[in-house]
N, C-alpha and C. Protein backbone atom coordinates (compact mmCIF):
# COMPACT_ATOMS: atom_id res chain seq x y z
N MET A 1 126.59 123.00 60.12
CA MET A 1 126.65 122.63 61.53
C MET A 1 125.79 121.38 61.75
N ILE A 2 126.34 120.42 62.46
CA ILE A 2 125.63 119.19 62.78
C ILE A 2 125.06 119.30 64.18
N ALA A 3 123.79 118.99 64.33
CA ALA A 3 123.12 118.95 65.63
C ALA A 3 122.63 117.52 65.85
N ILE A 4 122.76 117.04 67.07
CA ILE A 4 122.30 115.70 67.43
C ILE A 4 121.14 115.84 68.39
N ARG A 5 120.10 115.08 68.15
CA ARG A 5 118.96 115.07 69.07
C ARG A 5 118.56 113.63 69.37
N THR A 6 117.97 113.44 70.53
CA THR A 6 117.46 112.13 70.91
C THR A 6 116.19 111.84 70.13
N ALA A 7 116.12 110.65 69.57
CA ALA A 7 114.94 110.26 68.79
C ALA A 7 113.79 109.89 69.72
N THR A 8 112.59 110.00 69.20
CA THR A 8 111.37 109.58 69.89
C THR A 8 110.68 108.53 69.02
N PRO A 9 109.68 107.84 69.57
CA PRO A 9 108.94 106.88 68.74
C PRO A 9 108.34 107.52 67.49
N ASP A 10 108.05 108.81 67.54
CA ASP A 10 107.53 109.50 66.35
C ASP A 10 108.53 109.55 65.20
N ASP A 11 109.80 109.29 65.50
CA ASP A 11 110.84 109.29 64.48
C ASP A 11 111.01 107.93 63.81
N ALA A 12 110.18 106.96 64.15
CA ALA A 12 110.36 105.60 63.64
C ALA A 12 110.40 105.56 62.11
N GLY A 13 109.54 106.30 61.44
CA GLY A 13 109.53 106.29 59.98
C GLY A 13 110.82 106.83 59.39
N LEU A 14 111.29 107.94 59.94
CA LEU A 14 112.54 108.54 59.50
C LEU A 14 113.71 107.57 59.71
N ILE A 15 113.79 107.01 60.91
CA ILE A 15 114.89 106.10 61.22
C ILE A 15 114.81 104.84 60.37
N PHE A 16 113.60 104.32 60.19
CA PHE A 16 113.46 103.11 59.39
C PHE A 16 113.90 103.37 57.95
N GLY A 17 113.67 104.56 57.45
CA GLY A 17 114.17 104.92 56.12
C GLY A 17 115.68 104.84 56.07
N PHE A 18 116.35 105.31 57.13
CA PHE A 18 117.81 105.20 57.19
C PHE A 18 118.24 103.74 57.28
N VAL A 19 117.52 102.93 58.05
CA VAL A 19 117.85 101.50 58.16
C VAL A 19 117.73 100.84 56.79
N ARG A 20 116.68 101.17 56.06
CA ARG A 20 116.50 100.62 54.71
C ARG A 20 117.64 101.07 53.78
N ASP A 21 118.02 102.34 53.90
CA ASP A 21 119.14 102.84 53.09
C ASP A 21 120.44 102.11 53.44
N LEU A 22 120.64 101.84 54.73
CA LEU A 22 121.83 101.10 55.16
C LEU A 22 121.82 99.69 54.58
N ALA A 23 120.66 99.04 54.61
CA ALA A 23 120.55 97.69 54.05
C ALA A 23 120.88 97.71 52.55
N ARG A 24 120.39 98.71 51.85
CA ARG A 24 120.72 98.85 50.42
C ARG A 24 122.22 99.06 50.23
N HIS A 25 122.80 99.93 51.05
CA HIS A 25 124.23 100.24 50.96
C HIS A 25 125.07 98.97 51.16
N GLU A 26 124.61 98.09 52.03
CA GLU A 26 125.34 96.85 52.31
C GLU A 26 124.87 95.70 51.43
N ASP A 27 124.07 96.02 50.41
CA ASP A 27 123.55 95.02 49.47
C ASP A 27 122.86 93.88 50.22
N ALA A 28 122.05 94.25 51.21
CA ALA A 28 121.38 93.27 52.05
C ALA A 28 119.91 93.60 52.27
N GLU A 29 119.32 94.34 51.34
CA GLU A 29 117.92 94.74 51.52
C GLU A 29 116.99 93.54 51.63
N ASP A 30 117.34 92.43 50.97
CA ASP A 30 116.51 91.23 51.04
C ASP A 30 116.50 90.62 52.44
N LYS A 31 117.45 90.98 53.29
CA LYS A 31 117.52 90.45 54.65
C LYS A 31 116.76 91.32 55.65
N LEU A 32 116.29 92.47 55.22
CA LEU A 32 115.58 93.39 56.10
C LEU A 32 114.13 92.95 56.23
N VAL A 33 113.78 92.42 57.41
CA VAL A 33 112.40 91.97 57.65
C VAL A 33 111.70 92.84 58.70
N ALA A 34 112.45 93.70 59.35
CA ALA A 34 111.85 94.61 60.34
C ALA A 34 110.90 95.56 59.63
N THR A 35 110.07 96.20 60.41
CA THR A 35 109.12 97.18 59.88
C THR A 35 109.21 98.47 60.69
N GLU A 36 108.66 99.51 60.14
CA GLU A 36 108.58 100.78 60.85
C GLU A 36 107.83 100.60 62.17
N ALA A 37 106.76 99.81 62.14
CA ALA A 37 105.96 99.59 63.35
C ALA A 37 106.77 98.88 64.44
N LEU A 38 107.56 97.87 64.05
CA LEU A 38 108.39 97.17 65.04
C LEU A 38 109.43 98.11 65.63
N LEU A 39 110.02 98.94 64.80
CA LEU A 39 111.01 99.90 65.29
C LEU A 39 110.34 100.90 66.23
N GLY A 40 109.17 101.37 65.86
CA GLY A 40 108.44 102.30 66.72
C GLY A 40 108.15 101.70 68.08
N ARG A 41 107.76 100.42 68.09
CA ARG A 41 107.48 99.74 69.36
C ARG A 41 108.76 99.61 70.19
N ALA A 42 109.87 99.26 69.54
CA ALA A 42 111.14 99.13 70.27
C ALA A 42 111.57 100.46 70.87
N LEU A 43 111.37 101.54 70.14
CA LEU A 43 111.69 102.87 70.67
C LEU A 43 110.76 103.23 71.82
N GLU A 44 109.49 102.88 71.69
CA GLU A 44 108.50 103.18 72.74
C GLU A 44 108.82 102.42 74.02
N GLU A 45 109.20 101.15 73.88
CA GLU A 45 109.47 100.31 75.04
C GLU A 45 110.90 100.47 75.54
N ARG A 46 111.68 101.31 74.88
CA ARG A 46 113.06 101.60 75.22
C ARG A 46 113.96 100.37 75.13
N GLY A 47 113.58 99.42 74.29
CA GLY A 47 114.46 98.30 74.00
C GLY A 47 115.65 98.75 73.18
N VAL A 48 115.45 99.83 72.47
CA VAL A 48 116.51 100.45 71.68
C VAL A 48 116.35 101.96 71.79
N GLU A 49 117.46 102.64 71.74
CA GLU A 49 117.44 104.10 71.74
C GLU A 49 118.06 104.57 70.43
N ALA A 50 117.78 105.80 70.08
CA ALA A 50 118.33 106.32 68.83
C ALA A 50 118.63 107.80 68.96
N ALA A 51 119.55 108.23 68.13
CA ALA A 51 119.90 109.65 68.01
C ALA A 51 119.83 110.00 66.53
N ILE A 52 119.43 111.22 66.26
CA ILE A 52 119.30 111.71 64.88
C ILE A 52 120.32 112.84 64.68
N ALA A 53 121.02 112.79 63.57
CA ALA A 53 121.91 113.89 63.19
C ALA A 53 121.17 114.78 62.21
N GLU A 54 121.20 116.07 62.46
CA GLU A 54 120.56 117.03 61.57
C GLU A 54 121.58 118.06 61.11
N GLN A 55 121.50 118.40 59.84
CA GLN A 55 122.34 119.43 59.25
C GLN A 55 121.42 120.47 58.64
N ASP A 56 121.52 121.69 59.13
CA ASP A 56 120.64 122.77 58.67
C ASP A 56 119.16 122.38 58.78
N GLY A 57 118.81 121.70 59.89
CA GLY A 57 117.43 121.30 60.14
C GLY A 57 116.96 120.07 59.40
N GLN A 58 117.81 119.48 58.58
CA GLN A 58 117.46 118.30 57.79
C GLN A 58 118.12 117.06 58.39
N ALA A 59 117.35 116.00 58.63
CA ALA A 59 117.91 114.75 59.17
C ALA A 59 118.83 114.13 58.13
N VAL A 60 120.07 113.82 58.56
CA VAL A 60 121.05 113.25 57.63
C VAL A 60 121.63 111.93 58.13
N GLY A 61 121.24 111.47 59.32
CA GLY A 61 121.77 110.21 59.82
C GLY A 61 121.17 109.84 61.15
N ALA A 62 121.47 108.61 61.56
CA ALA A 62 120.95 108.12 62.83
C ALA A 62 121.88 107.06 63.40
N ALA A 63 121.82 106.92 64.71
CA ALA A 63 122.51 105.86 65.43
C ALA A 63 121.49 105.17 66.32
N LEU A 64 121.47 103.84 66.31
CA LEU A 64 120.59 103.06 67.17
C LEU A 64 121.46 102.24 68.11
N PHE A 65 121.12 102.22 69.39
CA PHE A 65 121.97 101.55 70.37
C PHE A 65 121.14 101.02 71.53
N PHE A 66 121.74 100.11 72.30
CA PHE A 66 121.08 99.55 73.47
C PHE A 66 122.13 99.12 74.49
N HIS A 67 121.68 98.86 75.72
CA HIS A 67 122.58 98.46 76.80
C HIS A 67 123.00 97.01 76.68
N LYS A 68 124.20 96.75 77.16
CA LYS A 68 124.72 95.39 77.28
C LYS A 68 125.56 95.33 78.55
N HIS A 69 125.94 94.14 78.96
CA HIS A 69 126.74 93.98 80.17
C HIS A 69 127.90 93.03 79.89
N SER A 70 129.05 93.35 80.44
CA SER A 70 130.22 92.49 80.33
C SER A 70 130.44 91.78 81.66
N THR A 71 130.27 90.47 81.66
CA THR A 71 130.54 89.72 82.88
C THR A 71 132.03 89.69 83.18
N TRP A 72 132.87 89.85 82.19
CA TRP A 72 134.32 89.84 82.41
C TRP A 72 134.78 91.11 83.09
N SER A 73 134.29 92.25 82.65
CA SER A 73 134.72 93.51 83.26
C SER A 73 133.84 93.88 84.45
N GLY A 74 132.62 93.36 84.46
CA GLY A 74 131.68 93.70 85.52
C GLY A 74 130.95 95.01 85.30
N TRP A 75 131.12 95.59 84.12
CA TRP A 75 130.53 96.89 83.83
C TRP A 75 129.57 96.81 82.65
N ASN A 76 128.69 97.79 82.60
CA ASN A 76 127.77 97.90 81.47
C ASN A 76 128.44 98.62 80.31
N GLY A 77 127.86 98.44 79.16
CA GLY A 77 128.31 99.12 77.96
C GLY A 77 127.11 99.40 77.07
N LEU A 78 127.38 100.00 75.94
CA LEU A 78 126.35 100.22 74.93
C LEU A 78 126.76 99.47 73.68
N TYR A 79 125.77 98.92 73.01
CA TYR A 79 126.01 98.26 71.73
C TYR A 79 125.38 99.12 70.65
N LEU A 80 126.19 99.53 69.70
CA LEU A 80 125.73 100.34 68.57
C LEU A 80 125.22 99.38 67.49
N GLU A 81 123.92 99.32 67.34
CA GLU A 81 123.32 98.40 66.36
C GLU A 81 123.48 98.92 64.94
N ASP A 82 123.20 100.19 64.75
CA ASP A 82 123.30 100.78 63.41
C ASP A 82 123.82 102.21 63.52
N LEU A 83 124.66 102.56 62.57
CA LEU A 83 125.08 103.94 62.37
C LEU A 83 124.98 104.20 60.88
N TYR A 84 124.20 105.20 60.52
CA TYR A 84 124.03 105.51 59.10
C TYR A 84 124.04 107.01 58.90
N VAL A 85 124.80 107.42 57.89
CA VAL A 85 124.81 108.82 57.46
C VAL A 85 124.53 108.82 55.96
N ALA A 86 123.60 109.65 55.54
CA ALA A 86 123.24 109.75 54.12
C ALA A 86 124.48 110.10 53.30
N PRO A 87 124.58 109.54 52.09
CA PRO A 87 125.78 109.78 51.26
C PRO A 87 126.14 111.25 51.11
N GLU A 88 125.14 112.10 50.94
CA GLU A 88 125.44 113.53 50.73
C GLU A 88 125.99 114.22 51.97
N ALA A 89 125.87 113.58 53.14
CA ALA A 89 126.35 114.18 54.38
C ALA A 89 127.63 113.52 54.90
N ARG A 90 128.10 112.50 54.20
CA ARG A 90 129.33 111.85 54.65
C ARG A 90 130.49 112.82 54.52
N GLY A 91 131.34 112.81 55.52
CA GLY A 91 132.46 113.76 55.56
C GLY A 91 132.11 115.07 56.24
N SER A 92 130.85 115.21 56.66
CA SER A 92 130.40 116.46 57.30
C SER A 92 130.63 116.47 58.81
N GLY A 93 131.01 115.31 59.36
CA GLY A 93 131.15 115.19 60.81
C GLY A 93 129.93 114.58 61.47
N ALA A 94 128.91 114.23 60.69
CA ALA A 94 127.68 113.67 61.27
C ALA A 94 127.94 112.32 61.93
N GLY A 95 128.71 111.46 61.29
CA GLY A 95 129.00 110.15 61.88
C GLY A 95 129.77 110.28 63.17
N ARG A 96 130.78 111.11 63.16
CA ARG A 96 131.56 111.34 64.38
C ARG A 96 130.67 111.93 65.47
N ALA A 97 129.81 112.87 65.13
CA ALA A 97 128.92 113.49 66.11
C ALA A 97 127.95 112.47 66.69
N LEU A 98 127.43 111.58 65.85
CA LEU A 98 126.53 110.53 66.35
C LEU A 98 127.26 109.60 67.31
N LEU A 99 128.46 109.16 66.93
CA LEU A 99 129.22 108.27 67.81
C LEU A 99 129.61 108.99 69.10
N ALA A 100 129.97 110.26 69.02
CA ALA A 100 130.29 111.03 70.22
C ALA A 100 129.08 111.12 71.14
N HIS A 101 127.89 111.27 70.55
CA HIS A 101 126.66 111.32 71.35
C HIS A 101 126.45 109.99 72.08
N VAL A 102 126.59 108.89 71.35
CA VAL A 102 126.41 107.57 71.97
C VAL A 102 127.44 107.39 73.08
N ALA A 103 128.69 107.78 72.83
CA ALA A 103 129.73 107.68 73.86
C ALA A 103 129.37 108.51 75.09
N ALA A 104 128.87 109.72 74.87
CA ALA A 104 128.50 110.59 75.99
C ALA A 104 127.35 109.99 76.80
N VAL A 105 126.38 109.39 76.12
CA VAL A 105 125.28 108.71 76.82
C VAL A 105 125.86 107.59 77.68
N GLY A 106 126.75 106.81 77.10
CA GLY A 106 127.36 105.71 77.85
C GLY A 106 128.13 106.19 79.06
N VAL A 107 128.98 107.18 78.89
CA VAL A 107 129.77 107.70 80.00
C VAL A 107 128.85 108.24 81.10
N ALA A 108 127.80 108.96 80.72
CA ALA A 108 126.87 109.51 81.71
C ALA A 108 126.16 108.42 82.50
N ARG A 109 126.03 107.24 81.90
CA ARG A 109 125.35 106.12 82.56
C ARG A 109 126.33 105.15 83.22
N GLY A 110 127.59 105.49 83.26
CA GLY A 110 128.58 104.64 83.91
C GLY A 110 129.06 103.48 83.05
N CYS A 111 128.80 103.53 81.77
CA CYS A 111 129.27 102.47 80.87
C CYS A 111 130.77 102.63 80.62
N THR A 112 131.43 101.53 80.39
CA THR A 112 132.88 101.57 80.17
C THR A 112 133.27 101.27 78.73
N ARG A 113 132.28 101.02 77.86
CA ARG A 113 132.61 100.72 76.47
C ARG A 113 131.41 100.92 75.57
N VAL A 114 131.70 101.14 74.31
CA VAL A 114 130.71 101.10 73.24
C VAL A 114 131.27 100.12 72.21
N GLU A 115 130.46 99.19 71.80
CA GLU A 115 130.90 98.17 70.85
C GLU A 115 129.92 98.08 69.70
N TRP A 116 130.40 97.55 68.57
CA TRP A 116 129.56 97.36 67.40
C TRP A 116 130.25 96.39 66.47
N ALA A 117 129.53 95.96 65.47
CA ALA A 117 130.08 95.09 64.43
C ALA A 117 130.15 95.89 63.14
N VAL A 118 131.08 95.52 62.29
CA VAL A 118 131.17 96.13 60.96
C VAL A 118 131.42 95.01 59.97
N SER A 119 130.79 95.10 58.83
CA SER A 119 130.95 94.10 57.79
C SER A 119 132.40 94.04 57.33
N ASP A 120 132.88 92.83 57.09
CA ASP A 120 134.24 92.66 56.57
C ASP A 120 134.42 93.37 55.24
N THR A 121 133.33 93.60 54.52
CA THR A 121 133.42 94.22 53.20
C THR A 121 133.33 95.75 53.25
N ASN A 122 133.13 96.31 54.43
CA ASN A 122 132.96 97.77 54.55
C ASN A 122 134.26 98.41 55.04
N ALA A 123 135.25 98.46 54.16
CA ALA A 123 136.56 99.00 54.53
C ALA A 123 136.48 100.48 54.90
N ALA A 124 135.62 101.23 54.25
CA ALA A 124 135.49 102.66 54.57
C ALA A 124 135.04 102.85 56.01
N ALA A 125 134.05 102.06 56.44
CA ALA A 125 133.57 102.17 57.82
C ALA A 125 134.66 101.76 58.80
N ALA A 126 135.36 100.67 58.49
CA ALA A 126 136.43 100.21 59.38
C ALA A 126 137.50 101.28 59.54
N GLY A 127 137.86 101.93 58.45
CA GLY A 127 138.85 103.01 58.51
C GLY A 127 138.35 104.19 59.33
N PHE A 128 137.08 104.53 59.15
CA PHE A 128 136.48 105.62 59.92
C PHE A 128 136.53 105.30 61.41
N TYR A 129 136.13 104.08 61.78
CA TYR A 129 136.11 103.70 63.20
C TYR A 129 137.52 103.72 63.79
N ARG A 130 138.49 103.24 63.04
CA ARG A 130 139.88 103.27 63.52
C ARG A 130 140.35 104.71 63.74
N SER A 131 139.92 105.61 62.87
CA SER A 131 140.34 107.02 63.01
C SER A 131 139.81 107.64 64.30
N LEU A 132 138.78 107.04 64.88
CA LEU A 132 138.20 107.53 66.13
C LEU A 132 138.82 106.87 67.35
N GLY A 133 139.74 105.92 67.12
CA GLY A 133 140.37 105.22 68.22
C GLY A 133 139.79 103.85 68.50
N ALA A 134 138.83 103.42 67.70
CA ALA A 134 138.25 102.08 67.89
C ALA A 134 139.23 101.03 67.39
N GLU A 135 139.19 99.87 68.03
CA GLU A 135 140.06 98.77 67.65
C GLU A 135 139.22 97.54 67.34
N PRO A 136 139.57 96.80 66.29
CA PRO A 136 138.84 95.55 66.03
C PRO A 136 139.16 94.54 67.13
N MET A 137 138.16 93.80 67.52
CA MET A 137 138.32 92.81 68.58
C MET A 137 138.56 91.43 67.97
N PRO A 138 139.29 90.58 68.68
CA PRO A 138 139.58 89.25 68.15
C PRO A 138 138.46 88.26 68.43
N TRP A 139 137.23 88.66 68.15
CA TRP A 139 136.08 87.82 68.40
C TRP A 139 135.30 87.66 67.10
N ARG A 140 134.61 86.57 66.97
CA ARG A 140 133.74 86.34 65.82
C ARG A 140 132.31 86.25 66.35
N ILE A 141 131.39 86.90 65.68
CA ILE A 141 129.99 86.90 66.09
C ILE A 141 129.31 85.65 65.56
N TYR A 142 128.56 84.98 66.42
CA TYR A 142 127.73 83.84 66.02
C TYR A 142 126.28 84.21 66.23
N ARG A 143 125.41 83.60 65.44
CA ARG A 143 123.98 83.88 65.55
C ARG A 143 123.22 82.59 65.31
N VAL A 144 122.16 82.42 66.09
CA VAL A 144 121.20 81.35 65.83
C VAL A 144 119.85 82.04 65.65
N SER A 145 119.14 81.69 64.58
CA SER A 145 117.86 82.33 64.29
C SER A 145 116.99 81.39 63.48
N GLY A 146 115.76 81.83 63.23
CA GLY A 146 114.85 81.05 62.40
C GLY A 146 114.60 79.65 62.94
N GLU A 147 114.61 78.68 62.03
CA GLU A 147 114.33 77.29 62.42
C GLU A 147 115.37 76.76 63.40
N ALA A 148 116.62 77.15 63.23
CA ALA A 148 117.66 76.69 64.15
C ALA A 148 117.38 77.19 65.57
N LEU A 149 116.89 78.41 65.71
CA LEU A 149 116.54 78.95 67.02
C LEU A 149 115.37 78.17 67.61
N SER A 150 114.37 77.88 66.80
CA SER A 150 113.22 77.12 67.28
C SER A 150 113.63 75.72 67.72
N ARG A 151 114.50 75.09 66.94
CA ARG A 151 114.98 73.75 67.32
C ARG A 151 115.75 73.81 68.63
N LEU A 152 116.63 74.78 68.75
CA LEU A 152 117.42 74.91 69.97
C LEU A 152 116.53 75.16 71.18
N ALA A 153 115.53 75.99 71.04
CA ALA A 153 114.62 76.31 72.14
C ALA A 153 113.80 75.10 72.55
N GLY A 154 113.57 74.19 71.60
CA GLY A 154 112.78 73.00 71.89
C GLY A 154 113.55 71.88 72.54
N GLU A 155 114.85 72.00 72.61
CA GLU A 155 115.67 70.93 73.20
C GLU A 155 115.57 70.91 74.70
């Protein structure tokens, strides 16, 4: 049986472990510069929220999300930053339960959508999301960071 609970700042270490595992899974651990302390602060300040999936009392996954707004629709939504389920718990319903929890939070808050990004190389995740009724959007994500962000801010 999968149980979902709302995470607290005290869960930062547990969640950060899942984030690190996700980075390894996506062969991107070298890009992970966040720390457990930064995640704890974000949870404390409610810049990000999280849910933990537990199976038989053992944490097996997490979802991290935050609010966003669509100027086109005029409504708020939630952005799913990370969804991770430990390999041994995949197929148990933990991922679906985590996404259902995020959806329920959004609906309770009047949100009209939940959105997220998925790596082009993660076909298993894309298939899972489609099985839940999610559709890929015809948008490409752009990012400015590091020195480029500093240069842009200085203009």
